[in-house]
């Protein structure tokens, strides 16, 4: 029997972990219903990761970003199809 090489998955970056955390919050039923989400800072979060993520979120026309002492609050609208 031939031995195959095992591929090990690369550990996710801190940015990827933050992105996954934010996705879970935004995709929650409560956030989807209210079209808003509060993203709380966690101890150990990299400020550069947050800056990159907020820049990317801010590129969306239908999203409003509000800065809070403990994190970020997002509001979004869903455009109606013509």
PDB file of N, CA and C in Angstrom:
ATOM      1  N   UNK A   1       0.850  -1.174   0.000  1.00  0.00           N
ATOM      2  CA  UNK A   1       0.000   0.000   0.000  1.00  0.00           C
ATOM      3  C   UNK A   1       0.900   1.243   0.000  1.00  0.00           C
ATOM      4  N   UNK A   2       0.643   2.161  -0.909  1.00  0.00           N
ATOM      5  CA  UNK A   2       1.444   3.375  -1.005  1.00  0.00           C
ATOM      6  C   UNK A   2       0.992   4.384   0.035  1.00  0.00           C
ATOM      7  N   UNK A   3       1.979   5.038   0.583  1.00  0.00           N
ATOM      8  CA  UNK A   3       1.658   6.066   1.568  1.00  0.00           C
ATOM      9  C   UNK A   3       1.503   7.393   0.845  1.00  0.00           C
ATOM     10  N   UNK A   4       0.360   8.015   1.012  1.00  0.00           N
ATOM     11  CA  UNK A   4       0.116   9.329   0.402  1.00  0.00           C
ATOM     12  C   UNK A   4       0.574  10.426   1.334  1.00  0.00           C
ATOM     13  N   UNK A   5       0.894  11.539   0.749  1.00  0.00           N
ATOM     14  CA  UNK A   5       1.278  12.679   1.572  1.00  0.00           C
ATOM     15  C   UNK A   5       0.041  13.285   2.200  1.00  0.00           C
ATOM     16  N   UNK A   6       0.122  13.528   3.460  1.00  0.00           N
ATOM     17  CA  UNK A   6      -0.988  14.177   4.145  1.00  0.00           C
ATOM     18  C   UNK A   6      -0.848  15.672   3.986  1.00  0.00           C
ATOM     19  N   UNK A   7      -1.932  16.295   3.615  1.00  0.00           N
ATOM     20  CA  UNK A   7      -1.930  17.737   3.527  1.00  0.00           C
ATOM     21  C   UNK A   7      -2.511  18.301   4.804  1.00  0.00           C
ATOM     22  N   UNK A   8      -1.774  19.193   5.395  1.00  0.00           N
ATOM     23  CA  UNK A   8      -2.281  19.837   6.594  1.00  0.00           C
ATOM     24  C   UNK A   8      -2.802  21.211   6.200  1.00  0.00           C
ATOM     25  N   UNK A   9      -3.946  21.510   6.691  1.00  0.00           N
ATOM     26  CA  UNK A   9      -4.546  22.811   6.396  1.00  0.00           C
ATOM     27  C   UNK A   9      -3.778  23.882   7.157  1.00  0.00           C
ATOM     28  N   UNK A  10      -3.545  24.979   6.468  1.00  0.00           N
ATOM     29  CA  UNK A  10      -2.866  26.091   7.124  1.00  0.00           C
ATOM     30  C   UNK A  10      -3.787  26.684   8.180  1.00  0.00           C
ATOM     31  N   UNK A  11      -3.205  27.070   9.274  1.00  0.00           N
ATOM     32  CA  UNK A  11      -3.994  27.688  10.334  1.00  0.00           C
ATOM     33  C   UNK A  11      -4.554  29.013   9.818  1.00  0.00           C
ATOM     34  N   UNK A  12      -5.810  29.321  10.154  1.00  0.00           N
ATOM     35  CA  UNK A  12      -6.390  30.583   9.681  1.00  0.00           C
ATOM     36  C   UNK A  12      -5.660  31.779  10.283  1.00  0.00           C
ATOM     37  N   UNK A  13      -5.599  32.842   9.515  1.00  0.00           N
ATOM     38  CA  UNK A  13      -4.967  34.067  10.003  1.00  0.00           C
ATOM     39  C   UNK A  13      -5.893  34.754  11.005  1.00  0.00           C
ATOM     40  N   UNK A  14      -5.362  35.718  11.724  1.00  0.00           N
ATOM     41  CA  UNK A  14      -6.198  36.465  12.674  1.00  0.00           C
ATOM     42  C   UNK A  14      -7.297  37.216  11.929  1.00  0.00           C
ATOM     43  N   UNK A  15      -6.998  37.675  10.712  1.00  0.00           N
ATOM     44  CA  UNK A  15      -8.010  38.363   9.908  1.00  0.00           C
ATOM     45  C   UNK A  15      -9.131  37.399   9.513  1.00  0.00           C
ATOM     46  N   UNK A  16      -8.774  36.190   9.110  1.00  0.00           N
ATOM     47  CA  UNK A  16      -9.783  35.191   8.744  1.00  0.00           C
ATOM     48  C   UNK A  16     -10.648  34.809   9.938  1.00  0.00           C
ATOM     49  N   UNK A  17     -10.046  34.698  11.107  1.00  0.00           N
ATOM     50  CA  UNK A  17     -10.814  34.375  12.315  1.00  0.00           C
ATOM     51  C   UNK A  17     -11.785  35.504  12.646  1.00  0.00           C
ATOM     52  N   UNK A  18     -11.323  36.754  12.530  1.00  0.00           N
ATOM     53  CA  UNK A  18     -12.200  37.892  12.773  1.00  0.00           C
ATOM     54  C   UNK A  18     -13.328  37.913  11.751  1.00  0.00           C
ATOM     55  N   UNK A  19     -13.001  37.683  10.495  1.00  0.00           N
ATOM     56  CA  UNK A  19     -14.024  37.655   9.451  1.00  0.00           C
ATOM     57  C   UNK A  19     -15.085  36.594   9.709  1.00  0.00           C
ATOM     58  N   UNK A  20     -14.669  35.426  10.146  1.00  0.00           N
ATOM     59  CA  UNK A  20     -15.624  34.352  10.443  1.00  0.00           C
ATOM     60  C   UNK A  20     -16.518  34.742  11.616  1.00  0.00           C
ATOM     61  N   UNK A  21     -15.925  35.373  12.625  1.00  0.00           N
ATOM     62  CA  UNK A  21     -16.707  35.815  13.795  1.00  0.00           C
ATOM     63  C   UNK A  21     -17.750  36.853  13.378  1.00  0.00           C
ATOM     64  N   UNK A  22     -17.342  37.799  12.555  1.00  0.00           N
ATOM     65  CA  UNK A  22     -18.252  38.846  12.088  1.00  0.00           C
ATOM     66  C   UNK A  22     -19.356  38.236  11.218  1.00  0.00           C
ATOM     67  N   UNK A  23     -19.013  37.304  10.357  1.00  0.00           N
ATOM     68  CA  UNK A  23     -20.024  36.640   9.518  1.00  0.00           C
ATOM     69  C   UNK A  23     -21.080  35.952  10.362  1.00  0.00           C
ATOM     70  N   UNK A  24     -20.653  35.274  11.428  1.00  0.00           N
ATOM     71  CA  UNK A  24     -21.630  34.592  12.296  1.00  0.00           C
ATOM     72  C   UNK A  24     -22.607  35.590  12.897  1.00  0.00           C
ATOM     73  N   UNK A  25     -22.104  36.746  13.313  1.00  0.00           N
ATOM     74  CA  UNK A  25     -22.972  37.760  13.916  1.00  0.00           C
ATOM     75  C   UNK A  25     -23.935  38.317  12.872  1.00  0.00           C
ATOM     76  N   UNK A  26     -23.414  38.687  11.710  1.00  0.00           N
ATOM     77  CA  UNK A  26     -24.245  39.291  10.662  1.00  0.00           C
ATOM     78  C   UNK A  26     -25.283  38.309  10.136  1.00  0.00           C
ATOM     79  N   UNK A  27     -24.920  37.050  10.043  1.00  0.00           N
ATOM     80  CA  UNK A  27     -25.834  36.050   9.485  1.00  0.00           C
ATOM     81  C   UNK A  27     -26.820  35.480  10.502  1.00  0.00           C
ATOM     82  N   UNK A  28     -26.744  35.915  11.740  1.00  0.00           N
ATOM     83  CA  UNK A  28     -27.678  35.401  12.742  1.00  0.00           C
ATOM     84  C   UNK A  28     -29.100  35.838  12.386  1.00  0.00           C
ATOM     85  N   UNK A  29     -30.088  35.041  12.730  1.00  0.00           N
ATOM     86  CA  UNK A  29     -31.473  35.398  12.410  1.00  0.00           C
ATOM     87  C   UNK A  29     -31.891  36.759  12.978  1.00  0.00           C
ATOM     88  N   UNK A  30     -31.456  37.067  14.191  1.00  0.00           N
ATOM     89  CA  UNK A  30     -31.831  38.352  14.802  1.00  0.00           C
ATOM     90  C   UNK A  30     -31.261  39.517  14.005  1.00  0.00           C
ATOM     91  N   UNK A  31     -30.001  39.414  13.593  1.00  0.00           N
ATOM     92  CA  UNK A  31     -29.379  40.489  12.820  1.00  0.00           C
ATOM     93  C   UNK A  31     -30.037  40.622  11.454  1.00  0.00           C
ATOM     94  N   UNK A  32     -30.355  39.517  10.836  1.00  0.00           N
ATOM     95  CA  UNK A  32     -30.995  39.564   9.526  1.00  0.00           C
ATOM     96  C   UNK A  32     -32.378  40.193   9.620  1.00  0.00           C
ATOM     97  N   UNK A  33     -33.095  39.892  10.673  1.00  0.00           N
ATOM     98  CA  UNK A  33     -34.435  40.452  10.842  1.00  0.00           C
ATOM     99  C   UNK A  33     -34.378  41.954  11.081  1.00  0.00           C
ATOM    100  N   UNK A  34     -33.442  42.409  11.926  1.00  0.00           N
ATOM    101  CA  UNK A  34     -33.357  43.833  12.271  1.00  0.00           C
ATOM    102  C   UNK A  34     -32.482  44.618  11.294  1.00  0.00           C
ATOM    103  N   UNK A  35     -31.781  43.898  10.429  1.00  0.00           N
ATOM    104  CA  UNK A  35     -30.834  44.517   9.493  1.00  0.00           C
ATOM    105  C   UNK A  35     -29.816  45.393  10.220  1.00  0.00           C
ATOM    106  N   UNK A  36     -29.359  44.866  11.343  1.00  0.00           N
ATOM    107  CA  UNK A  36     -28.305  45.538  12.103  1.00  0.00           C
ATOM    108  C   UNK A  36     -27.565  44.495  12.934  1.00  0.00           C
ATOM    109  N   UNK A  37     -26.326  44.830  13.254  1.00  0.00           N
ATOM    110  CA  UNK A  37     -25.521  43.917  14.064  1.00  0.00           C
ATOM    111  C   UNK A  37     -24.518  44.725  14.866  1.00  0.00           C
ATOM    112  N   UNK A  38     -24.259  44.263  16.081  1.00  0.00           N
ATOM    113  CA  UNK A  38     -23.228  44.867  16.926  1.00  0.00           C
ATOM    114  C   UNK A  38     -22.038  43.917  16.919  1.00  0.00           C
ATOM    115  N   UNK A  39     -20.899  44.456  16.508  1.00  0.00           N
ATOM    116  CA  UNK A  39     -19.664  43.689  16.456  1.00  0.00           C
ATOM    117  C   UNK A  39     -18.780  44.165  17.602  1.00  0.00           C
ATOM    118  N   UNK A  40     -18.577  43.309  18.573  1.00  0.00           N
ATOM    119  CA  UNK A  40     -17.825  43.689  19.768  1.00  0.00           C
ATOM    120  C   UNK A  40     -16.350  43.347  19.611  1.00  0.00           C
ATOM    121  N   UNK A  41     -15.507  44.239  20.102  1.00  0.00           N
ATOM    122  CA  UNK A  41     -14.083  43.968  20.124  1.00  0.00           C
ATOM    123  C   UNK A  41     -13.809  42.878  21.151  1.00  0.00           C
ATOM    124  N   UNK A  42     -12.882  42.009  20.828  1.00  0.00           N
ATOM    125  CA  UNK A  42     -12.468  40.968  21.769  1.00  0.00           C
ATOM    126  C   UNK A  42     -11.011  41.208  22.140  1.00  0.00           C
ATOM    127  N   UNK A  43     -10.672  40.806  23.344  1.00  0.00           N
ATOM    128  CA  UNK A  43      -9.298  40.943  23.789  1.00  0.00           C
ATOM    129  C   UNK A  43      -8.396  40.178  22.821  1.00  0.00           C
ATOM    130  N   UNK A  44      -7.334  40.822  22.404  1.00  0.00           N
ATOM    131  CA  UNK A  44      -6.403  40.175  21.497  1.00  0.00           C
ATOM    132  C   UNK A  44      -6.676  40.435  20.026  1.00  0.00           C
ATOM    133  N   UNK A  45      -7.796  41.109  19.714  1.00  0.00           N
ATOM    134  CA  UNK A  45      -8.063  41.451  18.320  1.00  0.00           C
ATOM    135  C   UNK A  45      -6.975  42.379  17.797  1.00  0.00           C
ATOM    136  N   UNK A  46      -6.600  42.170  16.565  1.00  0.00           N
ATOM    137  CA  UNK A  46      -5.586  42.999  15.931  1.00  0.00           C
ATOM    138  C   UNK A  46      -6.266  44.236  15.340  1.00  0.00           C
ATOM    139  N   UNK A  47      -5.873  45.437  15.748  1.00  0.00           N
ATOM    140  CA  UNK A  47      -6.492  46.659  15.210  1.00  0.00           C
ATOM    141  C   UNK A  47      -6.365  46.777  13.696  1.00  0.00           C
ATOM    142  N   UNK A  48      -5.281  46.260  13.134  1.00  0.00           N
ATOM    143  CA  UNK A  48      -5.113  46.295  11.675  1.00  0.00           C
ATOM    144  C   UNK A  48      -6.147  45.406  10.982  1.00  0.00           C
ATOM    145  N   UNK A  49      -6.472  44.273  11.599  1.00  0.00           N
ATOM    146  CA  UNK A  49      -7.515  43.397  11.044  1.00  0.00           C
ATOM    147  C   UNK A  49      -8.855  44.116  11.030  1.00  0.00           C
ATOM    148  N   UNK A  50      -9.163  44.804  12.136  1.00  0.00           N
ATOM    149  CA  UNK A  50     -10.420  45.555  12.204  1.00  0.00           C
ATOM    150  C   UNK A  50     -10.450  46.647  11.145  1.00  0.00           C
ATOM    151  N   UNK A  51      -9.340  47.361  10.983  1.00  0.00           N
ATOM    152  CA  UNK A  51      -9.281  48.445   9.999  1.00  0.00           C
ATOM    153  C   UNK A  51      -9.519  47.900   8.589  1.00  0.00           C
ATOM    154  N   UNK A  52      -8.885  46.790   8.262  1.00  0.00           N
ATOM    155  CA  UNK A  52      -9.065  46.188   6.940  1.00  0.00           C
ATOM    156  C   UNK A  52     -10.504  45.730   6.743  1.00  0.00           C
ATOM    157  N   UNK A  53     -11.059  45.073   7.745  1.00  0.00           N
ATOM    158  CA  UNK A  53     -12.427  44.575   7.651  1.00  0.00           C
ATOM    159  C   UNK A  53     -13.421  45.725   7.473  1.00  0.00           C
ATOM    160  N   UNK A  54     -13.259  46.780   8.255  1.00  0.00           N
ATOM    161  CA  UNK A  54     -14.185  47.914   8.158  1.00  0.00           C
ATOM    162  C   UNK A  54     -14.033  48.645   6.833  1.00  0.00           C
ATOM    163  N   UNK A  55     -12.823  48.701   6.288  1.00  0.00           N
ATOM    164  CA  UNK A  55     -12.639  49.281   4.960  1.00  0.00           C
ATOM    165  C   UNK A  55     -13.417  48.484   3.920  1.00  0.00           C
ATOM    166  N   UNK A  56     -13.342  47.170   4.018  1.00  0.00           N
ATOM    167  CA  UNK A  56     -14.037  46.312   3.064  1.00  0.00           C
ATOM    168  C   UNK A  56     -15.550  46.404   3.236  1.00  0.00           C
ATOM    169  N   UNK A  57     -16.014  46.431   4.463  1.00  0.00           N
ATOM    170  CA  UNK A  57     -17.459  46.563   4.707  1.00  0.00           C
ATOM    171  C   UNK A  57     -17.938  47.922   4.211  1.00  0.00           C
ATOM    172  N   UNK A  58     -17.130  48.955   4.446  1.00  0.00           N
ATOM    173  CA  UNK A  58     -17.501  50.308   4.052  1.00  0.00           C
ATOM    174  C   UNK A  58     -17.628  50.509   2.553  1.00  0.00           C
ATOM    175  N   UNK A  59     -17.080  49.597   1.757  1.00  0.00           N
ATOM    176  CA  UNK A  59     -17.189  49.682   0.302  1.00  0.00           C
ATOM    177  C   UNK A  59     -18.605  49.399  -0.185  1.00  0.00           C
ATOM    178  N   UNK A  60     -19.431  48.826   0.660  1.00  0.00           N
ATOM    179  CA  UNK A  60     -20.815  48.514   0.287  1.00  0.00           C
ATOM    180  C   UNK A  60     -21.675  49.761   0.436  1.00  0.00           C
ATOM    181  N   UNK A  61     -22.453  50.063  -0.596  1.00  0.00           N
ATOM    182  CA  UNK A  61     -23.276  51.271  -0.605  1.00  0.00           C
ATOM    183  C   UNK A  61     -24.391  51.248   0.430  1.00  0.00           C
ATOM    184  N   UNK A  62     -24.897  50.094   0.762  1.00  0.00           N
ATOM    185  CA  UNK A  62     -26.092  50.000   1.603  1.00  0.00           C
ATOM    186  C   UNK A  62     -25.784  49.710   3.065  1.00  0.00           C
ATOM    187  N   UNK A  63     -24.547  49.981   3.485  1.00  0.00           N
ATOM    188  CA  UNK A  63     -24.141  49.685   4.861  1.00  0.00           C
ATOM    189  C   UNK A  63     -23.701  50.970   5.556  1.00  0.00           C
ATOM    190  N   UNK A  64     -24.172  51.141   6.787  1.00  0.00           N
ATOM    191  CA  UNK A  64     -23.752  52.257   7.634  1.00  0.00           C
ATOM    192  C   UNK A  64     -22.968  51.682   8.801  1.00  0.00           C
ATOM    193  N   UNK A  65     -21.806  52.260   9.058  1.00  0.00           N
ATOM    194  CA  UNK A  65     -20.940  51.822  10.148  1.00  0.00           C
ATOM    195  C   UNK A  65     -20.948  52.887  11.234  1.00  0.00           C
ATOM    196  N   UNK A  66     -21.300  52.491  12.444  1.00  0.00           N
ATOM    197  CA  UNK A  66     -21.297  53.401  13.594  1.00  0.00           C
ATOM    198  C   UNK A  66     -20.290  52.881  14.615  1.00  0.00           C
ATOM    199  N   UNK A  67     -19.365  53.732  14.999  1.00  0.00           N
ATOM    200  CA  UNK A  67     -18.344  53.344  15.977  1.00  0.00           C
ATOM    201  C   UNK A  67     -18.892  53.527  17.389  1.00  0.00           C
ATOM    202  N   UNK A  68     -18.634  52.526  18.218  1.00  0.00           N
ATOM    203  CA  UNK A  68     -19.032  52.544  19.623  1.00  0.00           C
ATOM    204  C   UNK A  68     -17.784  52.344  20.460  1.00  0.00           C
ATOM    205  N   UNK A  69     -17.896  52.609  21.761  1.00  0.00           N
ATOM    206  CA  UNK A  69     -16.754  52.396  22.646  1.00  0.00           C
ATOM    207  C   UNK A  69     -16.339  50.926  22.701  1.00  0.00           C
ATOM    208  N   UNK A  70     -17.321  50.028  22.617  1.00  0.00           N
ATOM    209  CA  UNK A  70     -17.047  48.597  22.771  1.00  0.00           C
ATOM    210  C   UNK A  70     -16.993  47.839  21.448  1.00  0.00           C
ATOM    211  N   UNK A  71     -17.158  48.542  20.329  1.00  0.00           N
ATOM    212  CA  UNK A  71     -17.135  47.849  19.049  1.00  0.00           C
ATOM    213  C   UNK A  71     -17.733  48.696  17.941  1.00  0.00           C
ATOM    214  N   UNK A  72     -18.417  48.022  17.063  1.00  0.00           N
ATOM    215  CA  UNK A  72     -18.990  48.631  15.861  1.00  0.00           C
ATOM    216  C   UNK A  72     -20.443  48.195  15.741  1.00  0.00           C
ATOM    217  N   UNK A  73     -21.292  49.094  15.274  1.00  0.00           N
ATOM    218  CA  UNK A  73     -22.656  48.706  14.953  1.00  0.00           C
ATOM    219  C   UNK A  73     -22.852  48.931  13.461  1.00  0.00           C
ATOM    220  N   UNK A  74     -23.373  47.917  12.805  1.00  0.00           N
ATOM    221  CA  UNK A  74     -23.662  47.980  11.378  1.00  0.00           C
ATOM    222  C   UNK A  74     -25.160  48.042  11.167  1.00  0.00           C
ATOM    223  N   UNK A  75     -25.558  48.839  10.187  1.00  0.00           N
ATOM    224  CA  UNK A  75     -26.940  48.890   9.728  1.00  0.00           C
ATOM    225  C   UNK A  75     -26.890  48.713   8.215  1.00  0.00           C
ATOM    226  N   UNK A  76     -27.833  47.986   7.675  1.00  0.00           N
ATOM    227  CA  UNK A  76     -27.845  47.839   6.226  1.00  0.00           C
ATOM    228  C   UNK A  76     -29.266  47.820   5.711  1.00  0.00           C
ATOM    229  N   UNK A  77     -29.377  48.148   4.446  1.00  0.00           N
ATOM    230  CA  UNK A  77     -30.668  48.082   3.765  1.00  0.00           C
ATOM    231  C   UNK A  77     -30.522  47.073   2.625  1.00  0.00           C
ATOM    232  N   UNK A  78     -31.637  46.501   2.272  1.00  0.00           N
ATOM    233  CA  UNK A  78     -31.661  45.562   1.154  1.00  0.00           C
ATOM    234  C   UNK A  78     -32.377  46.283   0.016  1.00  0.00           C
ATOM    235  N   UNK A  79     -31.649  46.580  -1.066  1.00  0.00           N
ATOM    236  CA  UNK A  79     -32.283  47.297  -2.168  1.00  0.00           C
ATOM    237  C   UNK A  79     -33.385  46.455  -2.799  1.00  0.00           C
ATOM    238  N   UNK A  80     -34.442  47.138  -3.201  1.00  0.00           N
ATOM    239  CA  UNK A  80     -35.540  46.445  -3.872  1.00  0.00           C
ATOM    240  C   UNK A  80     -35.186  46.248  -5.335  1.00  0.00           C
ATOM    241  N   UNK A  81     -35.544  45.105  -5.852  1.00  0.00           N
ATOM    242  CA  UNK A  81     -35.333  44.839  -7.278  1.00  0.00           C
ATOM    243  C   UNK A  81     -36.344  45.630  -8.086  1.00  0.00           C
ATOM    244  N   UNK A  82     -35.886  46.191  -9.184  1.00  0.00           N
ATOM    245  CA  UNK A  82     -36.808  46.958 -10.050  1.00  0.00           C
ATOM    246  C   UNK A  82     -37.661  46.048 -10.891  1.00  0.00           C
TER     247      UNK A  82
END
